[in-house]
């Protein structure tokens, strides 16, 4: 079972990604759709976001393919860990591959 929405979306079929990131904001209290979100690699897409304990987490998706681009977190209020606006984490999915076994990057389709 995936540990996060971002991990689940990177493993899911494209149609599931499209439905998941567009429907989640309407169904889950506190989750919003961010129309113009930029990932750690500077790509413009869409995101679903939520705030928990003063930290906003955005799960970024390509707006055309609906594939996961990564995620970003930052503080939205001052807390003991830091001041509002501080980046708490970021990731970018730069490539994907379908392979025969873990660690084999010579086969499959790369995106």
N, C-alpha and C. Protein backbone atom coordinates (compact mmCIF):
# COMPACT_ATOMS: atom_id res chain seq x y z
N UNK A 1 0.84 -1.17 0.00
CA UNK A 1 0.00 0.00 0.00
C UNK A 1 0.89 1.24 0.00
N UNK A 2 0.64 2.21 -0.88
CA UNK A 2 1.45 3.43 -0.93
C UNK A 2 1.34 4.23 0.36
N UNK A 3 2.42 4.96 0.69
CA UNK A 3 2.45 5.76 1.90
C UNK A 3 1.86 7.15 1.74
N UNK A 4 1.74 7.63 0.51
CA UNK A 4 1.22 8.98 0.31
C UNK A 4 0.41 9.04 -0.97
N UNK A 5 -0.34 10.12 -1.12
CA UNK A 5 -1.10 10.33 -2.34
C UNK A 5 -0.17 10.43 -3.53
N UNK A 6 0.96 11.10 -3.35
CA UNK A 6 1.93 11.25 -4.45
C UNK A 6 2.44 9.88 -4.88
N UNK A 7 2.78 9.02 -3.93
CA UNK A 7 3.27 7.68 -4.26
C UNK A 7 2.19 6.87 -4.95
N UNK A 8 0.97 6.97 -4.48
CA UNK A 8 -0.13 6.24 -5.11
C UNK A 8 -0.35 6.71 -6.53
N UNK A 9 -0.28 8.03 -6.75
CA UNK A 9 -0.54 8.55 -8.09
C UNK A 9 0.55 8.18 -9.06
N UNK A 10 1.78 8.02 -8.59
CA UNK A 10 2.85 7.65 -9.51
C UNK A 10 2.75 6.19 -9.91
N UNK A 11 1.99 5.39 -9.17
CA UNK A 11 1.83 3.97 -9.47
C UNK A 11 0.51 3.67 -10.16
N UNK A 12 -0.36 4.64 -10.27
CA UNK A 12 -1.71 4.41 -10.76
C UNK A 12 -1.83 4.60 -12.26
N UNK A 13 -2.81 3.97 -12.89
CA UNK A 13 -3.08 4.23 -14.30
C UNK A 13 -3.46 5.68 -14.52
N UNK A 14 -3.22 6.17 -15.72
CA UNK A 14 -3.45 7.58 -16.05
C UNK A 14 -4.89 8.00 -15.78
N UNK A 15 -5.85 7.20 -16.13
CA UNK A 15 -7.26 7.57 -15.92
C UNK A 15 -7.56 7.74 -14.43
N UNK A 16 -6.98 6.89 -13.62
CA UNK A 16 -7.17 6.98 -12.17
C UNK A 16 -6.58 8.29 -11.67
N UNK A 17 -5.40 8.67 -12.16
CA UNK A 17 -4.78 9.94 -11.76
C UNK A 17 -5.69 11.10 -12.10
N UNK A 18 -6.21 11.12 -13.31
CA UNK A 18 -7.06 12.23 -13.76
C UNK A 18 -8.28 12.35 -12.86
N UNK A 19 -8.93 11.25 -12.60
CA UNK A 19 -10.12 11.27 -11.75
C UNK A 19 -9.76 11.64 -10.33
N UNK A 20 -8.69 11.07 -9.82
CA UNK A 20 -8.31 11.30 -8.43
C UNK A 20 -7.98 12.73 -8.11
N UNK A 21 -7.16 13.37 -8.92
CA UNK A 21 -6.75 14.72 -8.54
C UNK A 21 -7.80 15.76 -8.86
N UNK A 22 -8.75 15.46 -9.72
CA UNK A 22 -9.82 16.43 -10.00
C UNK A 22 -11.00 16.25 -9.04
N UNK A 23 -11.26 15.04 -8.61
CA UNK A 23 -12.41 14.79 -7.75
C UNK A 23 -12.10 14.95 -6.27
N UNK A 24 -10.87 14.72 -5.87
CA UNK A 24 -10.53 14.76 -4.45
C UNK A 24 -10.91 16.06 -3.77
N UNK A 25 -10.63 17.22 -4.37
CA UNK A 25 -10.99 18.45 -3.67
C UNK A 25 -12.49 18.57 -3.37
N UNK A 26 -13.31 18.04 -4.24
CA UNK A 26 -14.76 18.13 -4.04
C UNK A 26 -15.25 17.16 -2.97
N UNK A 27 -14.49 16.12 -2.70
CA UNK A 27 -14.95 15.06 -1.82
C UNK A 27 -14.32 15.07 -0.42
N UNK A 28 -13.15 15.70 -0.27
CA UNK A 28 -12.42 15.62 0.99
C UNK A 28 -12.37 16.99 1.64
N UNK A 29 -12.88 17.10 2.83
CA UNK A 29 -12.89 18.35 3.58
C UNK A 29 -11.46 18.88 3.75
N UNK A 30 -11.24 20.14 3.39
CA UNK A 30 -9.94 20.76 3.58
C UNK A 30 -8.98 20.61 2.42
N UNK A 31 -9.36 19.83 1.40
CA UNK A 31 -8.50 19.64 0.23
C UNK A 31 -8.99 20.59 -0.86
N UNK A 32 -8.04 21.30 -1.49
CA UNK A 32 -8.38 22.26 -2.54
C UNK A 32 -7.59 21.97 -3.81
N UNK A 33 -8.15 22.41 -4.94
CA UNK A 33 -7.46 22.31 -6.22
C UNK A 33 -6.71 23.61 -6.46
N UNK A 34 -5.42 23.51 -6.80
CA UNK A 34 -4.58 24.66 -7.11
C UNK A 34 -4.38 24.64 -8.62
N UNK A 35 -4.96 25.61 -9.32
CA UNK A 35 -4.94 25.62 -10.79
C UNK A 35 -3.54 25.82 -11.37
N UNK A 36 -2.72 26.67 -10.77
CA UNK A 36 -1.38 26.95 -11.28
C UNK A 36 -0.35 26.64 -10.20
N UNK A 37 0.17 25.43 -10.24
CA UNK A 37 1.17 25.00 -9.26
C UNK A 37 2.47 24.70 -9.99
N UNK A 38 3.58 25.06 -9.38
CA UNK A 38 4.89 24.83 -9.98
C UNK A 38 5.63 23.80 -9.14
N UNK A 39 6.18 22.78 -9.80
CA UNK A 39 6.89 21.73 -9.08
C UNK A 39 8.36 22.10 -8.87
N UNK A 40 9.11 21.22 -8.24
CA UNK A 40 10.51 21.46 -7.91
C UNK A 40 11.38 21.61 -9.15
N UNK A 41 10.94 21.09 -10.30
CA UNK A 41 11.69 21.22 -11.54
C UNK A 41 11.25 22.43 -12.35
N UNK A 42 10.31 23.22 -11.81
CA UNK A 42 9.85 24.43 -12.48
C UNK A 42 8.73 24.22 -13.49
N UNK A 43 8.13 23.03 -13.50
CA UNK A 43 7.05 22.75 -14.44
C UNK A 43 5.71 23.23 -13.89
N UNK A 44 4.93 23.85 -14.76
CA UNK A 44 3.61 24.34 -14.39
C UNK A 44 2.59 23.21 -14.53
N UNK A 45 1.77 23.04 -13.53
CA UNK A 45 0.73 22.02 -13.56
C UNK A 45 -0.39 22.43 -12.63
N UNK A 46 -1.11 21.43 -12.14
CA UNK A 46 -2.16 21.62 -11.15
C UNK A 46 -1.77 20.82 -9.92
N UNK A 47 -2.38 21.15 -8.80
CA UNK A 47 -2.08 20.41 -7.57
C UNK A 47 -3.35 20.28 -6.75
N UNK A 48 -3.35 19.27 -5.91
CA UNK A 48 -4.31 19.22 -4.83
C UNK A 48 -3.52 19.51 -3.57
N UNK A 49 -4.11 20.23 -2.66
CA UNK A 49 -3.38 20.68 -1.48
C UNK A 49 -4.25 20.57 -0.24
N UNK A 50 -3.55 20.44 0.90
CA UNK A 50 -4.23 20.47 2.19
C UNK A 50 -3.27 21.04 3.22
N UNK A 51 -3.83 21.54 4.31
CA UNK A 51 -3.04 22.09 5.40
C UNK A 51 -3.24 21.23 6.64
N UNK A 52 -2.12 20.91 7.29
CA UNK A 52 -2.15 20.14 8.53
C UNK A 52 -1.06 20.66 9.45
N UNK A 53 -1.42 20.99 10.67
CA UNK A 53 -0.46 21.47 11.68
C UNK A 53 0.41 22.61 11.17
N UNK A 54 -0.18 23.53 10.43
CA UNK A 54 0.54 24.70 9.95
C UNK A 54 1.36 24.50 8.70
N UNK A 55 1.32 23.30 8.11
CA UNK A 55 2.07 23.02 6.89
C UNK A 55 1.12 22.70 5.75
N UNK A 56 1.33 23.36 4.62
CA UNK A 56 0.54 23.08 3.41
C UNK A 56 1.35 22.11 2.55
N UNK A 57 0.71 21.04 2.11
CA UNK A 57 1.33 20.09 1.20
C UNK A 57 0.58 20.11 -0.11
N UNK A 58 1.31 20.26 -1.21
CA UNK A 58 0.73 20.27 -2.55
C UNK A 58 1.25 19.06 -3.31
N UNK A 59 0.34 18.30 -3.90
CA UNK A 59 0.67 17.15 -4.74
C UNK A 59 0.47 17.59 -6.18
N UNK A 60 1.54 17.76 -6.92
CA UNK A 60 1.51 18.35 -8.26
C UNK A 60 1.30 17.31 -9.35
N UNK A 61 0.48 17.70 -10.35
CA UNK A 61 0.16 16.83 -11.48
C UNK A 61 0.30 17.60 -12.78
N UNK A 62 0.73 16.92 -13.84
CA UNK A 62 0.73 17.51 -15.17
C UNK A 62 -0.72 17.75 -15.56
N UNK A 63 -1.03 18.93 -16.04
CA UNK A 63 -2.44 19.23 -16.33
C UNK A 63 -2.97 18.53 -17.56
N UNK A 64 -2.10 18.02 -18.44
CA UNK A 64 -2.56 17.31 -19.64
C UNK A 64 -2.55 15.79 -19.45
N UNK A 65 -1.46 15.25 -18.91
CA UNK A 65 -1.36 13.79 -18.75
C UNK A 65 -1.90 13.32 -17.41
N UNK A 66 -1.98 14.24 -16.45
CA UNK A 66 -2.44 13.95 -15.09
C UNK A 66 -1.47 13.04 -14.33
N UNK A 67 -0.25 12.90 -14.83
CA UNK A 67 0.75 12.14 -14.11
C UNK A 67 1.32 12.98 -12.98
N UNK A 68 1.74 12.32 -11.92
CA UNK A 68 2.32 13.02 -10.78
C UNK A 68 3.65 13.66 -11.17
N UNK A 69 3.81 14.94 -10.81
CA UNK A 69 5.06 15.65 -11.03
C UNK A 69 5.91 15.69 -9.77
N UNK A 70 5.28 15.52 -8.63
CA UNK A 70 6.00 15.58 -7.36
C UNK A 70 5.15 16.23 -6.30
N UNK A 71 5.82 16.72 -5.25
CA UNK A 71 5.10 17.39 -4.19
C UNK A 71 5.95 18.48 -3.57
N UNK A 72 5.27 19.39 -2.85
CA UNK A 72 5.94 20.50 -2.21
C UNK A 72 5.23 20.81 -0.91
N UNK A 73 5.98 21.15 0.12
CA UNK A 73 5.41 21.52 1.40
C UNK A 73 6.03 22.80 1.91
N UNK A 74 5.23 23.63 2.56
CA UNK A 74 5.74 24.85 3.16
C UNK A 74 4.84 25.26 4.32
N UNK A 75 5.42 26.02 5.25
CA UNK A 75 4.68 26.47 6.41
C UNK A 75 3.77 27.63 6.03
N UNK A 76 2.54 27.58 6.53
CA UNK A 76 1.58 28.66 6.27
C UNK A 76 1.35 29.52 7.51
N UNK A 77 1.95 29.13 8.63
CA UNK A 77 1.90 29.95 9.84
C UNK A 77 3.15 29.66 10.65
N UNK A 78 3.48 30.59 11.53
CA UNK A 78 4.64 30.40 12.40
C UNK A 78 4.36 29.27 13.38
N UNK A 79 5.29 28.33 13.46
CA UNK A 79 5.20 27.23 14.41
C UNK A 79 6.60 27.04 15.00
N UNK A 80 6.77 26.21 16.03
CA UNK A 80 8.11 26.02 16.61
C UNK A 80 9.16 25.57 15.59
N UNK A 81 8.75 24.87 14.55
CA UNK A 81 9.71 24.37 13.55
C UNK A 81 10.19 25.46 12.59
N UNK A 82 9.48 26.61 12.53
CA UNK A 82 9.90 27.66 11.62
C UNK A 82 8.82 28.69 11.38
N UNK A 83 9.15 29.66 10.57
CA UNK A 83 8.24 30.77 10.25
C UNK A 83 7.45 30.48 8.98
N UNK A 84 6.29 31.11 8.87
CA UNK A 84 5.45 30.97 7.68
C UNK A 84 6.25 31.30 6.43
N UNK A 85 6.03 30.51 5.39
CA UNK A 85 6.72 30.71 4.12
C UNK A 85 7.93 29.83 3.93
N UNK A 86 8.42 29.21 5.00
CA UNK A 86 9.59 28.32 4.90
C UNK A 86 9.22 27.06 4.14
N UNK A 87 10.04 26.70 3.16
CA UNK A 87 9.86 25.46 2.41
C UNK A 87 10.26 24.29 3.30
N UNK A 88 9.38 23.29 3.43
CA UNK A 88 9.66 22.15 4.31
C UNK A 88 10.06 20.90 3.54
N UNK A 89 9.77 20.89 2.26
CA UNK A 89 10.15 19.73 1.46
C UNK A 89 9.67 19.88 0.03
N UNK A 90 10.38 19.25 -0.88
CA UNK A 90 10.00 19.30 -2.28
C UNK A 90 10.54 18.07 -2.99
N UNK A 91 9.82 17.63 -3.99
CA UNK A 91 10.30 16.51 -4.81
C UNK A 91 9.78 16.68 -6.22
N UNK A 92 10.48 16.08 -7.17
CA UNK A 92 10.05 16.11 -8.57
C UNK A 92 10.28 14.74 -9.18
N UNK A 93 9.27 14.23 -9.87
CA UNK A 93 9.41 12.98 -10.61
C UNK A 93 9.95 13.37 -11.98
N UNK A 94 11.20 12.98 -12.25
CA UNK A 94 11.85 13.37 -13.50
C UNK A 94 11.80 12.29 -14.56
N UNK A 95 11.61 11.04 -14.14
CA UNK A 95 11.47 9.97 -15.13
C UNK A 95 10.69 8.81 -14.51
N UNK A 96 10.12 8.00 -15.39
CA UNK A 96 9.39 6.80 -15.00
C UNK A 96 9.79 5.71 -15.97
N UNK A 97 9.67 4.49 -15.56
CA UNK A 97 9.96 3.38 -16.46
C UNK A 97 9.14 2.16 -16.04
N UNK A 98 8.73 1.41 -17.03
CA UNK A 98 8.11 0.11 -16.79
C UNK A 98 9.20 -0.91 -17.07
N UNK A 99 9.57 -1.67 -16.05
CA UNK A 99 10.70 -2.58 -16.17
C UNK A 99 10.30 -3.98 -15.75
N UNK A 100 11.14 -4.94 -16.08
CA UNK A 100 10.87 -6.33 -15.72
C UNK A 100 11.17 -6.61 -14.26
N UNK A 101 12.14 -5.90 -13.68
CA UNK A 101 12.46 -6.08 -12.27
C UNK A 101 13.05 -4.80 -11.70
N UNK A 102 12.97 -4.66 -10.38
CA UNK A 102 13.45 -3.46 -9.72
C UNK A 102 14.93 -3.23 -10.05
N UNK A 103 15.26 -1.99 -10.35
CA UNK A 103 16.64 -1.63 -10.63
C UNK A 103 17.02 -1.72 -12.09
N UNK A 104 16.18 -2.33 -12.92
CA UNK A 104 16.46 -2.49 -14.35
C UNK A 104 15.92 -1.29 -15.10
N UNK A 105 16.83 -0.36 -15.47
CA UNK A 105 16.41 0.81 -16.20
C UNK A 105 16.73 0.71 -17.69
N UNK A 106 17.21 -0.44 -18.12
CA UNK A 106 17.55 -0.60 -19.54
C UNK A 106 16.35 -0.95 -20.39
N UNK A 107 15.29 -1.48 -19.80
CA UNK A 107 14.10 -1.90 -20.56
C UNK A 107 12.93 -0.99 -20.22
N UNK A 108 11.88 -1.09 -20.99
CA UNK A 108 10.66 -0.40 -20.66
C UNK A 108 10.51 0.94 -21.32
N UNK A 109 9.47 1.62 -20.93
CA UNK A 109 9.13 2.93 -21.47
C UNK A 109 9.49 4.00 -20.45
N UNK A 110 10.25 4.97 -20.86
CA UNK A 110 10.66 6.05 -19.97
C UNK A 110 9.89 7.31 -20.32
N UNK A 111 9.43 8.02 -19.31
CA UNK A 111 8.77 9.32 -19.52
C UNK A 111 9.42 10.35 -18.66
